[in-house]
Protein backbone atom coordinates (compact mmCIF):
# COMPACT_ATOMS: atom_id res chain seq x y z
CA UNK A 1 0.00 0.00 0.00
CA UNK A 2 2.84 2.42 0.67
CA UNK A 3 2.99 5.48 2.87
CA UNK A 4 -0.17 7.42 3.61
CA UNK A 5 1.81 10.57 4.34
CA UNK A 6 2.17 13.39 1.82
CA UNK A 7 5.33 12.89 -0.29
CA UNK A 8 8.08 15.49 -0.07
CA UNK A 9 10.72 16.63 -2.54
CA UNK A 10 14.14 15.49 -1.25
CA UNK A 11 16.04 18.02 -3.39
CA UNK A 12 13.98 20.88 -1.91
CA UNK A 13 14.66 19.49 1.56
CA UNK A 14 18.43 19.37 0.90
CA UNK A 15 18.43 22.92 -0.49
CA UNK A 16 16.37 24.14 2.48
CA UNK A 17 18.92 22.56 4.82
CA UNK A 18 21.60 24.58 2.98
CA UNK A 19 23.35 21.62 1.38
CA UNK A 20 26.22 23.02 -0.64
CA UNK A 21 26.16 20.34 -3.35
CA UNK A 22 22.69 19.16 -4.37
CA UNK A 23 22.42 16.99 -7.48
CA UNK A 24 20.13 14.62 -9.31
CA UNK A 25 21.15 11.87 -11.74
CA UNK A 26 19.89 8.59 -13.17
CA UNK A 27 21.60 5.25 -12.62
CA UNK A 28 21.67 4.29 -16.32
CA UNK A 29 23.53 7.42 -17.51
CA UNK A 30 27.14 6.57 -16.60
CA UNK A 31 28.48 9.65 -18.42
CA UNK A 32 26.59 11.85 -15.94
CA UNK A 33 26.33 9.51 -12.94
CA UNK A 34 30.07 9.02 -12.32
CA UNK A 35 31.17 12.69 -12.27
CA UNK A 36 28.17 13.66 -10.11
CA UNK A 37 29.07 11.08 -7.46
CA UNK A 38 32.78 11.96 -7.70
CA UNK A 39 32.07 15.67 -7.20
CA UNK A 40 29.78 14.96 -4.25
CA UNK A 41 32.39 12.70 -2.62
CA UNK A 42 35.20 15.22 -3.15
CA UNK A 43 33.19 18.18 -1.83
CA UNK A 44 34.22 19.43 1.61
CA UNK A 45 30.73 20.08 2.92
CA UNK A 46 27.27 18.62 2.82
CA UNK A 47 26.44 16.79 -0.41
CA UNK A 48 23.12 15.31 -1.45
CA UNK A 49 22.60 13.24 -4.60
CA UNK A 50 19.16 11.97 -5.62
CA UNK A 51 19.54 8.95 -7.90
CA UNK A 52 16.64 7.94 -10.12
CA UNK A 53 16.51 4.19 -10.67
CA UNK A 54 13.99 1.91 -12.28
CA UNK A 55 11.48 0.18 -10.02
CA UNK A 56 9.70 -3.10 -10.87
CA UNK A 57 6.44 -1.69 -9.46
CA UNK A 58 6.57 1.56 -11.48
CA UNK A 59 8.47 0.19 -14.47
CA UNK A 60 9.29 2.93 -16.97
CA UNK A 61 8.66 5.83 -14.58
CA UNK A 62 11.82 7.60 -15.77
CA UNK A 63 11.65 6.69 -19.47
CA UNK A 64 11.31 10.37 -20.46
CA UNK A 65 14.79 11.11 -19.11
CA UNK A 66 16.26 7.72 -19.93
CA UNK A 67 15.37 7.27 -23.61
CA UNK A 68 17.55 9.06 -26.14
CA UNK A 69 14.45 10.14 -28.13
CA UNK A 70 13.02 12.34 -25.37
CA UNK A 71 16.04 12.87 -23.12
CA UNK A 72 17.19 16.14 -24.73
CA UNK A 73 13.78 17.74 -24.19
CA UNK A 74 13.37 16.45 -20.62
CA UNK A 75 16.77 17.29 -19.10
CA UNK A 76 18.44 20.66 -18.52
CA UNK A 77 22.17 19.93 -18.08
CA UNK A 78 23.96 22.33 -15.74
CA UNK A 79 27.70 22.91 -15.95
CA UNK A 80 29.38 25.43 -13.67
CA UNK A 81 30.34 28.57 -15.57
CA UNK A 82 28.50 27.54 -18.74
CA UNK A 83 25.27 29.10 -20.11
CA UNK A 84 22.09 27.15 -19.42
CA UNK A 85 20.93 25.74 -22.78
CA UNK A 86 18.26 23.13 -23.31
CA UNK A 87 15.96 21.58 -25.88
CA UNK A 88 16.76 19.04 -28.56
CA UNK A 89 18.89 21.50 -30.51
CA UNK A 90 19.92 23.71 -27.57
CA UNK A 91 17.49 26.22 -29.02
CA UNK A 92 16.34 27.54 -25.64
CA UNK A 93 18.29 29.11 -22.82
CA UNK A 94 18.20 31.00 -19.56
CA UNK A 95 19.94 34.31 -19.05
CA UNK A 96 19.52 37.97 -18.16
CA UNK A 97 17.32 40.12 -20.33
CA UNK A 98 19.08 42.64 -22.52
Foldseek 3Di string as FASTA:
>chain_A
DDDPDDDDDVQVVCVVVVFPAEEEEEPVCCVPVVVSVVCCVPDPTGHYYHYDYADPVPGPPCVQCVDPVNNQQPDFDDDPPDWTFGDPVSPDGDDDDD
